[in-house]
Every structure is written in structure tokens, then in C-alpha cells.
Amino acid sequence: MTDAEVRLSRKQAFLAMLPFLLLGVADVLLLLFWGLDPLWGFMILPPILAISVLAWIAFRSGFARDRPGEPDEVGTDETY
């Protein structure tokens, strides 16, 4: 499999990373609505954004799929 086949488009990488980002933002909103000091929300938000960016880079570059010994497609492994 070549690098061009492993790499995802920007849109596909964004859609793969979106659940992580939404869970993080929902967590921050929950903390803010819970009545915690808004400073805590801003302290938690940068790591959430950083992990989301790292996830986007991993999905975009194909790093998340680059595992040796894993079959390329489900059901094509003939070594039962």
C-alpha cells in the first residue's frame, strides 16, 4: 500500500477527529454549567484542542493505520 492510498483527505481526517473534539468541548461546557470557575474551562480547553490537532495529523498522515501485520482489508486475510 503506497502513501497516497493510506493518507486521508482533510475532510475525512476532520470527520474522524470530530468526535474527540465534540466530547472535549462538551466536557468543558458541562464543567462551566456545573458552576465551576470559568478559568477551569480555559485551563482544560488547550489540551483538548492539542489532542484534537494531534488526532487530525495522525488520521491525515495515515499514522493511525500504519500497523505492521494488519491485513489491508477485512476478510482478505487467508491465515485462519
Foldseek 3Di string as FASTA:
>chain_A
DDQVVLADDLVVLCVVLVVLLVVQVVVLVVCVVVPDDNVVSVVSVVVSVVVSVVSSVCRRRNVVVPDPPDDPDPPPDPPD
